[in-house]
């Protein structure tokens, strides 16, 4: 029986192929790092060709461990959202480097749209704010600044898409140009209640509608691989943006259930059921799921810098040799010695939305060492999450528990600090790669292994650990006071 699911997990810093058995057990995994390109301050790019080549190589490494392609029931793809790829539909080749979700180059265009009074209209339709984070303004920048993109648009051969759309196109041998509803809801080009991309929004942003993919469900018979790639055609049965996928992997199926993923950035989503989100506190409305044409929505808070702060401390400053060292350093001292980090290395996301903000390390003295800096970096995760918790509460959603995942959540000290600073129970699954697991669930349902996501989650999710708050309120308030003072300096 073909009961393995192959998940292609397209992160910001790496691509992975992960082979899941039908009970959720990870049977095999292969991973390769992606090259980060920083042409100038605030610009972040990827090579879409490299993403494809390394993804294909990882897939070919794990498929034999299932017993061959015949044992794969379906492929699921989850991806870094908002990153834009432009390619030629005829040649199948990228026309320029992909612009990554962290990139801030389109802030002048966003400011122009805000000044013209368009943000209220855009937010009412899409649930999003006018910020460089989102895909549509990146597409417009490519149209204006890359002659090859403009030429392809004029010739009718231009294809735009987020990373899952690019990979489906390549996997299908160019037969399918699609995007799932969760990724489409992050573009500024699709209304939360619209079936496809909105012509009025495309006109506003200057993005040619014919270049965009077809919007599809997130689970089902969505596309099929070219038989020449793996020796037989394999159905593609699950697609999801990484944060929606993690929410599904955490089984947040009921309104009010909340998850936070701590990866490159930090992203909190609360299930809103069938209610179309309308935040008054600069949070985002987004599609959580679309299955059989029916949408479930979420309200989201997006923090741009989480794990990437630790990566920066490691790679640029040499404060730590490995990310895992931060936990031991944090435990080696009683507090951060007054050091506070506001990690605005690529601006501030929710609920502040300040594209021009830059990072601050405050409270340094001769007594400050790498332990204090490492601890302050981990404390920044709880501080940023606390800002989001206040915004969610102001929108009427007070967290009762928080389900965490992502690479950083494996740090027990950080998980406990979150519980302490938020004053809520924090739950962490024993298998923290819930982004990939959520897509495995979607693909398993789409392939017919399970009848619905609830039963897929019951079979595949596994056990959880809990962290209870244990911090005195005076300590919490002193930390938050230092955070607010440092925040004023960004």
Protein backbone atom coordinates (compact mmCIF):
# COMPACT_ATOMS: atom_id res chain seq x y z
CA UNK A 1 0.00 0.00 0.00
CA UNK A 2 1.25 3.49 -0.87
CA UNK A 3 0.94 5.09 2.56
CA UNK A 4 3.98 7.36 2.81
CA UNK A 5 3.69 11.13 2.45
CA UNK A 6 6.59 13.12 1.03
CA UNK A 7 6.69 16.67 2.42
CA UNK A 8 8.82 19.32 0.75
CA UNK A 9 9.48 21.93 3.44
CA UNK A 10 10.76 25.12 1.84
CA UNK A 11 12.17 27.30 4.60
CA UNK A 12 13.99 30.61 4.46
CA UNK A 13 17.41 29.16 5.19
CA UNK A 14 17.07 25.57 3.96
CA UNK A 15 15.02 23.15 1.90
CA UNK A 16 14.05 19.74 3.21
CA UNK A 17 12.41 16.57 1.99
CA UNK A 18 10.70 14.70 4.84
CA UNK A 19 9.15 11.27 4.52
CA UNK A 20 6.23 10.60 6.88
CA UNK A 21 4.54 7.29 7.54
CA UNK A 22 0.76 7.38 7.81
CA UNK A 23 0.98 7.39 11.65
CA UNK A 24 3.02 10.64 11.62
CA UNK A 25 6.38 9.03 12.29
CA UNK A 26 9.23 10.71 10.41
CA UNK A 27 10.82 7.90 8.40
CA UNK A 28 13.54 9.86 6.60
CA UNK A 29 14.75 13.40 6.01
CA UNK A 30 17.24 15.22 3.81
CA UNK A 31 18.17 18.90 4.07
CA UNK A 32 20.32 21.43 2.22
CA UNK A 33 21.02 25.04 3.14
CA UNK A 34 19.94 27.83 0.82
CA UNK A 35 22.25 30.69 -0.08
CA UNK A 36 21.16 34.04 1.34
CA UNK A 37 21.83 37.03 -0.92
CA UNK A 38 21.95 40.55 0.58
CA UNK A 39 22.66 42.95 -2.32
CA UNK A 40 22.22 45.99 -0.07
CA UNK A 41 20.75 46.99 3.27
CA UNK A 42 17.17 45.78 3.61
CA UNK A 43 17.31 43.55 0.52
CA UNK A 44 17.08 39.75 0.81
CA UNK A 45 17.10 37.43 -2.21
CA UNK A 46 17.16 33.73 -3.08
CA UNK A 47 18.09 31.90 -6.26
CA UNK A 48 14.89 30.12 -7.36
CA UNK A 49 16.93 27.74 -9.50
CA UNK A 50 18.93 26.72 -6.44
CA UNK A 51 15.71 26.14 -4.48
CA UNK A 52 14.44 23.80 -7.21
CA UNK A 53 17.71 21.92 -7.68
CA UNK A 54 18.27 21.33 -3.97
CA UNK A 55 14.63 20.38 -3.37
CA UNK A 56 14.77 17.83 -6.16
CA UNK A 57 18.04 16.45 -4.81
CA UNK A 58 16.58 16.09 -1.30
CA UNK A 59 13.45 14.40 -2.67
CA UNK A 60 15.52 11.91 -4.62
CA UNK A 61 17.52 11.15 -1.49
CA UNK A 62 14.52 10.16 0.66
CA UNK A 63 12.16 8.51 -1.87
CA UNK A 64 14.25 5.29 -2.04
CA UNK A 65 13.91 5.00 1.76
CA UNK A 66 10.15 4.55 1.27
CA UNK A 67 10.82 1.70 -1.14
CA UNK A 68 10.56 3.89 -4.22
CA UNK A 69 8.06 6.32 -5.74
CA UNK A 70 5.37 3.63 -5.86
CA UNK A 71 5.13 3.83 -2.07
CA UNK A 72 4.42 7.59 -2.00
CA UNK A 73 0.68 8.25 -1.70
CA UNK A 74 1.02 11.99 -2.09
CA UNK A 75 3.32 15.00 -1.94
CA UNK A 76 2.74 17.98 0.32
CA UNK A 77 4.55 21.31 -0.03
CA UNK A 78 4.89 23.95 2.65
CA UNK A 79 6.83 27.13 2.12
CA UNK A 80 8.19 30.41 3.35
CA UNK A 81 5.29 32.68 2.51
CA UNK A 82 5.37 36.03 0.65
CA UNK A 83 8.65 35.23 -1.14
CA UNK A 84 8.11 35.95 -4.86
CA UNK A 85 9.49 34.05 -7.84
CA UNK A 86 9.18 35.33 -11.42
CA UNK A 87 9.75 32.88 -14.25
CA UNK A 88 9.05 32.32 -17.92
CA UNK A 89 6.21 29.87 -18.59
CA UNK A 90 7.82 28.71 -21.85
CA UNK A 91 11.41 28.17 -20.75
CA UNK A 92 10.56 27.33 -17.15
CA UNK A 93 13.54 29.40 -16.00
CA UNK A 94 13.62 32.17 -13.36
CA UNK A 95 13.79 35.70 -14.75
CA UNK A 96 15.51 37.19 -11.70
CA UNK A 97 16.31 36.28 -8.12
CA UNK A 98 13.39 35.63 -5.82
CA UNK A 99 12.60 38.47 -3.41
CA UNK A 100 12.34 37.02 0.09
CA UNK A 101 9.59 37.82 2.59
CA UNK A 102 12.10 39.65 4.82
CA UNK A 103 12.99 42.12 2.04
CA UNK A 104 12.10 45.79 2.72
CA UNK A 105 12.85 47.43 -0.65
CA UNK A 106 9.22 48.22 -1.49
CA UNK A 107 8.62 50.47 1.53
CA UNK A 108 8.61 53.67 -0.63
CA UNK A 109 5.82 52.20 -2.79
CA UNK A 110 3.90 51.10 0.31
CA UNK A 111 4.29 54.59 1.78
CA UNK A 112 2.99 56.07 -1.47
CA UNK A 113 -0.10 53.85 -1.34
CA UNK A 114 -0.68 54.65 2.33
CA UNK A 115 -0.34 58.38 1.68
CA UNK A 116 -2.92 58.07 -1.10
CA UNK A 117 -5.37 56.61 1.43
CA UNK A 118 -5.50 53.05 0.11
CA UNK A 119 -4.64 51.09 3.26
CA UNK A 120 -8.17 50.98 4.72
CA UNK A 121 -9.59 49.63 1.44
CA UNK A 122 -6.80 47.05 1.13
CA UNK A 123 -7.13 45.91 4.74
CA UNK A 124 -10.91 45.59 4.45
CA UNK A 125 -10.53 43.30 1.44
CA UNK A 126 -7.40 41.31 2.26
CA UNK A 127 -6.97 41.49 6.04
CA UNK A 128 -3.44 42.78 5.41
CA UNK A 129 -1.64 46.09 5.84
CA UNK A 130 0.40 47.92 3.22
CA UNK A 131 3.84 46.64 4.12
CA UNK A 132 6.86 45.40 2.09
CA UNK A 133 6.40 42.01 3.80
CA UNK A 134 3.65 40.99 1.39
CA UNK A 135 4.07 39.55 -2.10
CA UNK A 136 2.18 41.98 -4.32
CA UNK A 137 4.52 44.95 -3.92
CA UNK A 138 7.49 42.69 -4.65
CA UNK A 139 5.85 41.69 -7.93
CA UNK A 140 5.34 45.37 -8.78
CA UNK A 141 9.01 46.09 -8.02
CA UNK A 142 10.07 43.36 -10.43
CA UNK A 143 7.78 44.78 -13.10
CA UNK A 144 9.32 48.22 -12.67
CA UNK A 145 12.97 47.26 -12.25
CA UNK A 146 13.69 43.99 -14.08
CA UNK A 147 13.51 44.34 -17.90
CA UNK A 148 13.21 40.56 -18.36
CA UNK A 149 10.11 40.48 -16.15
CA UNK A 150 8.51 43.40 -17.98
CA UNK A 151 9.30 41.84 -21.36
CA UNK A 152 7.82 38.47 -20.36
CA UNK A 153 4.66 40.24 -19.19
CA UNK A 154 4.35 42.01 -22.54
CA UNK A 155 4.83 38.70 -24.38
CA UNK A 156 2.34 36.87 -22.17
CA UNK A 157 4.91 34.38 -20.83
CA UNK A 158 5.39 35.81 -17.32
CA UNK A 159 4.54 33.64 -14.33
CA UNK A 160 4.50 34.99 -10.80
CA UNK A 161 4.19 32.79 -7.75
CA UNK A 162 5.27 32.10 -4.22
CA UNK A 163 7.68 29.23 -3.63
CA UNK A 164 5.08 26.45 -3.53
CA UNK A 165 3.70 27.69 -6.86
CA UNK A 166 7.19 27.64 -8.40
CA UNK A 167 7.85 24.11 -7.19
CA UNK A 168 4.49 22.76 -8.40
CA UNK A 169 5.24 24.24 -11.82
CA UNK A 170 8.65 22.54 -11.91
CA UNK A 171 7.43 19.25 -10.44
CA UNK A 172 4.59 19.07 -12.95
CA UNK A 173 6.86 19.77 -15.91
CA UNK A 174 5.14 23.13 -16.45
CA UNK A 175 1.64 21.63 -16.56
CA UNK A 176 0.32 23.35 -13.40
CA UNK A 177 0.52 27.00 -12.41
CA UNK A 178 -1.42 27.06 -9.13
CA UNK A 179 -1.23 28.47 -5.62
CA UNK A 180 -3.14 27.45 -2.53
CA UNK A 181 -5.54 29.80 -0.76
CA UNK A 182 -3.30 30.28 2.30
CA UNK A 183 -0.40 31.58 0.22
CA UNK A 184 -2.71 33.59 -2.04
CA UNK A 185 -4.11 35.35 1.03
CA UNK A 186 -0.63 36.76 1.74
CA UNK A 187 -0.18 38.59 -1.55
CA UNK A 188 -2.34 41.75 -1.09
CA UNK A 189 -4.01 40.58 -4.30
CA UNK A 190 -6.82 38.29 -3.06
CA UNK A 191 -9.84 39.23 -1.00
CA UNK A 192 -10.49 37.04 2.02
CA UNK A 193 -13.92 36.20 0.64
CA UNK A 194 -12.95 36.12 -3.06
CA UNK A 195 -12.50 32.93 -5.04
CA UNK A 196 -9.39 34.09 -6.89
CA UNK A 197 -7.18 37.11 -7.33
CA UNK A 198 -8.95 40.46 -7.36
CA UNK A 199 -8.66 42.52 -10.55
CA UNK A 200 -9.09 45.81 -8.68
CA UNK A 201 -6.25 44.99 -6.27
CA UNK A 202 -4.04 43.87 -9.17
CA UNK A 203 -4.68 47.21 -10.88
CA UNK A 204 -3.89 49.12 -7.70
CA UNK A 205 -0.54 47.38 -7.27
CA UNK A 206 0.27 47.20 -10.99
CA UNK A 207 0.47 43.39 -11.17
CA UNK A 208 -0.74 41.70 -14.39
CA UNK A 209 -3.57 39.29 -13.53
CA UNK A 210 -2.68 36.82 -16.35
CA UNK A 211 0.74 36.24 -14.74
CA UNK A 212 -0.81 34.95 -11.50
CA UNK A 213 -1.56 31.31 -10.69
CA UNK A 214 -4.97 29.71 -10.18
CA UNK A 215 -6.06 29.66 -6.52
CA UNK A 216 -6.83 26.15 -5.26
CA UNK A 217 -7.81 24.21 -2.14
CA UNK A 218 -5.06 23.16 0.27
CA UNK A 219 -5.88 19.45 0.23
CA UNK A 220 -7.04 17.17 -2.57
CA UNK A 221 -5.93 16.12 -6.03
CA UNK A 222 -4.18 19.40 -6.79
CA UNK A 223 -1.53 18.52 -9.39
CA UNK A 224 0.74 15.67 -10.46
CA UNK A 225 4.47 15.30 -10.90
CA UNK A 226 6.09 14.66 -14.27
CA UNK A 227 6.69 10.90 -14.43
CA UNK A 228 10.22 11.52 -15.71
CA UNK A 229 11.30 12.98 -12.34
CA UNK A 230 10.76 10.02 -10.01
CA UNK A 231 9.99 7.11 -12.33
CA UNK A 232 6.22 7.49 -11.99
CA UNK A 233 3.78 10.33 -11.54
CA UNK A 234 3.00 11.16 -7.91
CA UNK A 235 -0.07 13.21 -6.96
CA UNK A 236 0.48 16.52 -5.19
CA UNK A 237 -2.22 16.45 -2.50
CA UNK A 238 -1.34 19.14 0.04
CA UNK A 239 -0.21 22.78 -0.17
CA UNK A 240 0.08 25.34 2.63
CA UNK A 241 1.99 28.38 3.72
CA UNK A 242 4.30 27.46 6.58
CA UNK A 243 2.42 29.25 9.36
CA UNK A 244 -0.98 27.90 8.37
CA UNK A 245 0.59 24.46 8.11
CA UNK A 246 2.03 24.71 11.62
CA UNK A 247 -1.39 25.75 12.95
CA UNK A 248 -2.88 22.63 11.38
CA UNK A 249 0.00 20.53 12.71
CA UNK A 250 -0.82 21.83 16.20
CA UNK A 251 -4.45 20.74 15.70
CA UNK A 252 -5.80 24.27 16.24
CA UNK A 253 -9.11 23.36 14.62
CA UNK A 254 -11.48 25.16 17.03
CA UNK A 255 -11.99 28.94 17.18
CA UNK A 256 -9.70 30.52 19.79
CA UNK A 257 -6.99 27.88 19.67
CA UNK A 258 -3.57 29.52 19.21
CA UNK A 259 -0.10 28.48 18.08
CA UNK A 260 3.23 30.28 17.86
CA UNK A 261 6.04 29.17 15.60
CA UNK A 262 9.60 30.26 16.42
CA UNK A 263 11.74 29.80 13.35
CA UNK A 264 13.51 32.47 11.33
CA UNK A 265 10.71 34.78 12.45
CA UNK A 266 7.92 34.25 14.99
CA UNK A 267 4.32 33.86 13.92
CA UNK A 268 1.23 33.58 16.10
CA UNK A 269 -2.09 32.45 14.62
CA UNK A 270 -5.47 32.11 16.34
CA UNK A 271 -8.25 30.14 14.65
CA UNK A 272 -11.25 32.40 13.93
CA UNK A 273 -13.51 29.76 12.41
CA UNK A 274 -15.77 31.07 9.66
CA UNK A 275 -15.55 34.67 10.94
CA UNK A 276 -13.66 36.93 8.53
CA UNK A 277 -11.02 38.70 10.68
CA UNK A 278 -11.12 42.47 11.09
CA UNK A 279 -8.35 43.56 13.44
CA UNK A 280 -8.42 47.01 15.02
CA UNK A 281 -4.92 46.56 16.46
CA UNK A 282 -2.76 46.12 13.39
CA UNK A 283 -2.89 42.34 13.36
CA UNK A 284 -3.51 40.46 10.14
CA UNK A 285 -6.45 38.51 8.78
CA UNK A 286 -5.54 35.45 6.75
CA UNK A 287 -6.94 32.24 5.30
CA UNK A 288 -6.09 29.37 7.65
CA UNK A 289 -7.61 26.57 5.57
CA UNK A 290 -9.55 26.05 2.37
CA UNK A 291 -10.84 22.53 1.84
CA UNK A 292 -13.64 21.64 -0.58
CA UNK A 293 -13.98 25.35 -1.29
CA UNK A 294 -14.81 26.18 2.36
CA UNK A 295 -12.54 28.62 4.19
CA UNK A 296 -11.50 28.82 7.82
CA UNK A 297 -9.82 32.06 8.88
CA UNK A 298 -7.15 33.11 11.37
CA UNK A 299 -5.90 36.30 12.93
CA UNK A 300 -2.11 36.55 12.85
CA UNK A 301 0.72 38.44 14.42
CA UNK A 302 4.02 38.30 12.51
CA UNK A 303 7.41 39.02 14.09
CA UNK A 304 10.19 39.32 11.54
CA UNK A 305 13.20 38.29 13.64
CA UNK A 306 13.35 35.30 16.01
CA UNK A 307 15.78 32.49 15.22
CA UNK A 308 17.53 34.75 12.75
CA UNK A 309 18.67 36.86 15.74
CA UNK A 310 20.52 33.86 17.16
CA UNK A 311 21.88 33.07 13.70
CA UNK A 312 23.17 36.67 13.48
CA UNK A 313 24.80 36.40 16.91
CA UNK A 314 26.47 33.19 15.73
CA UNK A 315 27.49 34.07 12.17
CA UNK A 316 28.12 37.82 12.31
CA UNK A 317 29.20 38.49 15.90
CA UNK A 318 30.59 35.10 16.95
CA UNK A 319 28.84 35.30 20.34
CA UNK A 320 27.96 31.58 20.11
CA UNK A 321 29.33 28.75 18.04
CA UNK A 322 25.98 26.94 17.75
CA UNK A 323 22.40 28.07 18.38
CA UNK A 324 21.95 25.42 21.07
CA UNK A 325 24.63 27.10 23.21
CA UNK A 326 22.20 29.92 24.05
CA UNK A 327 20.26 27.76 26.52
CA UNK A 328 23.32 26.91 28.62
CA UNK A 329 24.48 30.52 28.56
CA UNK A 330 21.02 31.76 29.63
CA UNK A 331 20.99 29.30 32.55
CA UNK A 332 24.52 30.25 33.64
CA UNK A 333 23.47 33.66 34.97
CA UNK A 334 20.55 34.81 37.17
CA UNK A 335 19.42 37.53 34.75
CA UNK A 336 20.60 39.47 31.70
CA UNK A 337 22.36 42.10 33.78
CA UNK A 338 20.05 44.77 32.39
CA UNK A 339 20.85 43.94 28.75
CA UNK A 340 17.83 44.16 26.44
CA UNK A 341 17.75 43.43 22.72
CA UNK A 342 15.10 44.77 20.37
CA UNK A 343 15.77 42.58 17.30
CA UNK A 344 14.57 44.92 14.57
CA UNK A 345 17.22 43.69 12.12
CA UNK A 346 14.71 43.91 9.26
CA UNK A 347 12.22 46.37 10.72
CA UNK A 348 9.42 45.66 13.16
CA UNK A 349 6.37 43.56 12.34
CA UNK A 350 3.14 43.28 14.30
CA UNK A 351 1.79 45.14 16.07
CA UNK A 352 4.22 48.02 15.35
CA UNK A 353 4.78 47.76 11.57
CA UNK A 354 7.80 50.02 11.36
CA UNK A 355 9.81 49.13 8.25
CA UNK A 356 12.51 51.67 9.08
CA UNK A 357 13.20 50.45 12.62
CA UNK A 358 16.64 49.03 13.32
CA UNK A 359 17.88 46.78 16.10
CA UNK A 360 19.06 47.99 19.50
CA UNK A 361 21.16 46.33 22.21
CA UNK A 362 20.54 48.42 25.33
CA UNK A 363 21.97 48.27 28.85
CA UNK A 364 25.51 47.18 27.98
CA UNK A 365 28.29 47.68 30.53
CA UNK A 366 31.78 46.29 31.17
CA UNK A 367 30.04 43.56 33.16
CA UNK A 368 28.14 42.41 30.06
CA UNK A 369 29.44 39.30 28.33
CA UNK A 370 28.25 36.78 25.84
CA UNK A 371 26.02 35.09 28.43
CA UNK A 372 24.11 38.33 29.03
CA UNK A 373 23.75 38.96 25.29
CA UNK A 374 22.61 35.38 24.60
CA UNK A 375 20.08 35.51 27.43
CA UNK A 376 18.77 38.89 26.24
CA UNK A 377 18.33 37.42 22.76
CA UNK A 378 16.16 34.61 24.14
CA UNK A 379 14.26 37.05 26.38
CA UNK A 380 13.43 39.09 23.27
CA UNK A 381 11.28 36.20 22.04
CA UNK A 382 8.99 36.47 25.06
CA UNK A 383 8.99 40.28 24.93
CA UNK A 384 7.90 40.33 21.30
CA UNK A 385 5.27 37.66 21.97
CA UNK A 386 3.95 39.67 24.92
CA UNK A 387 3.43 42.66 22.60
CA UNK A 388 1.38 40.39 20.34
CA UNK A 389 -0.61 38.96 23.26
CA UNK A 390 -1.69 42.47 24.22
CA UNK A 391 -2.80 43.22 20.65
CA UNK A 392 -4.71 39.93 20.39
CA UNK A 393 -6.45 40.65 23.72
CA UNK A 394 -7.41 44.13 22.51
CA UNK A 395 -9.00 42.46 19.47
CA UNK A 396 -11.03 40.22 21.78
CA UNK A 397 -8.84 37.11 21.73
CA UNK A 398 -7.17 36.43 25.08
CA UNK A 399 -4.89 33.40 24.97
CA UNK A 400 -5.68 30.64 27.44
CA UNK A 401 -2.82 28.43 26.31
CA UNK A 402 -0.13 28.82 23.68
CA UNK A 403 1.01 25.87 21.53
CA UNK A 404 4.58 26.46 20.38
CA UNK A 405 6.74 24.85 17.71
CA UNK A 406 9.59 25.54 15.33
CA UNK A 407 13.32 25.06 15.80
CA UNK A 408 13.72 27.59 18.65
CA UNK A 409 10.94 26.00 20.71
CA UNK A 410 13.22 23.03 21.45
CA UNK A 411 15.00 25.40 23.88
CA UNK A 412 13.46 24.54 27.28
CA UNK A 413 14.67 27.79 28.86
CA UNK A 414 12.90 29.85 26.19
CA UNK A 415 9.69 27.79 26.46
CA UNK A 416 9.60 28.37 30.23
CA UNK A 417 10.37 32.08 29.75
CA UNK A 418 7.38 32.37 27.42
CA UNK A 419 5.11 30.81 30.03
CA UNK A 420 6.55 33.13 32.70
CA UNK A 421 6.22 36.35 30.71
CA UNK A 422 2.80 35.57 29.22
CA UNK A 423 1.32 34.07 32.39
CA UNK A 424 -0.24 31.16 30.46
CA UNK A 425 0.41 27.46 30.02
CA UNK A 426 2.71 26.77 27.09
CA UNK A 427 2.36 23.45 25.25
CA UNK A 428 5.06 21.99 23.03
CA UNK A 429 4.65 18.81 21.00
CA UNK A 430 7.40 16.25 21.34
CA UNK A 431 7.78 16.49 17.57
CA UNK A 432 8.35 20.23 17.09
CA UNK A 433 8.46 20.21 13.26
CA UNK A 434 4.73 20.84 13.09
CA UNK A 435 5.02 22.89 9.90
CA UNK A 436 5.99 19.76 8.00
CA UNK A 437 3.56 17.63 10.01
CA UNK A 438 0.61 19.90 9.18
CA UNK A 439 1.34 19.58 5.48
CA UNK A 440 1.70 15.82 5.90
CA UNK A 441 -1.81 15.83 7.41
CA UNK A 442 -3.20 17.88 4.52
CA UNK A 443 -1.53 15.61 1.97
CA UNK A 444 -2.71 12.47 3.78
CA UNK A 445 -6.31 13.69 3.68
CA UNK A 446 -5.88 14.77 0.06
CA UNK A 447 -4.53 11.31 -0.82
CA UNK A 448 -7.45 9.58 0.89
CA UNK A 449 -5.47 8.06 3.78
CA UNK A 450 -7.71 9.90 6.29
CA UNK A 451 -11.24 11.27 5.77
CA UNK A 452 -10.57 14.61 7.50
CA UNK A 453 -7.94 16.63 9.34
CA UNK A 454 -9.29 15.84 12.79
CA UNK A 455 -8.69 12.12 12.28
CA UNK A 456 -5.35 12.78 10.62
CA UNK A 457 -4.25 14.83 13.65
CA UNK A 458 -5.47 12.18 16.11
CA UNK A 459 -3.33 9.58 14.33
CA UNK A 460 -0.26 11.68 13.53
CA UNK A 461 0.29 14.41 16.17
CA UNK A 462 1.86 12.58 19.13
CA UNK A 463 2.50 13.70 22.73
CA UNK A 464 3.05 17.19 24.19
CA UNK A 465 5.04 18.74 27.06
CA UNK A 466 3.73 21.63 29.16
CA UNK A 467 5.37 24.63 30.85
CA UNK A 468 3.54 26.49 33.63
CA UNK A 469 4.21 30.13 34.62
CA UNK A 470 6.40 30.55 37.72
CA UNK A 471 7.68 34.15 37.62
CA UNK A 472 6.93 36.81 40.21
CA UNK A 473 4.96 39.71 38.80
CA UNK A 474 7.56 42.27 39.94
CA UNK A 475 10.24 40.53 37.86
CA UNK A 476 7.93 40.39 34.85
CA UNK A 477 7.07 44.08 35.13
CA UNK A 478 10.75 45.09 35.45
CA UNK A 479 11.56 43.16 32.26
CA UNK A 480 8.66 44.72 30.37
CA UNK A 481 9.65 48.19 31.57
CA UNK A 482 13.18 47.73 30.22
CA UNK A 483 11.74 46.36 26.97
CA UNK A 484 9.51 49.41 26.49
CA UNK A 485 12.40 51.81 27.13
CA UNK A 486 14.65 50.01 24.66
CA UNK A 487 11.83 49.91 22.14
CA UNK A 488 11.65 53.68 22.12
CA UNK A 489 15.21 53.82 20.75
CA UNK A 490 14.68 51.78 17.57
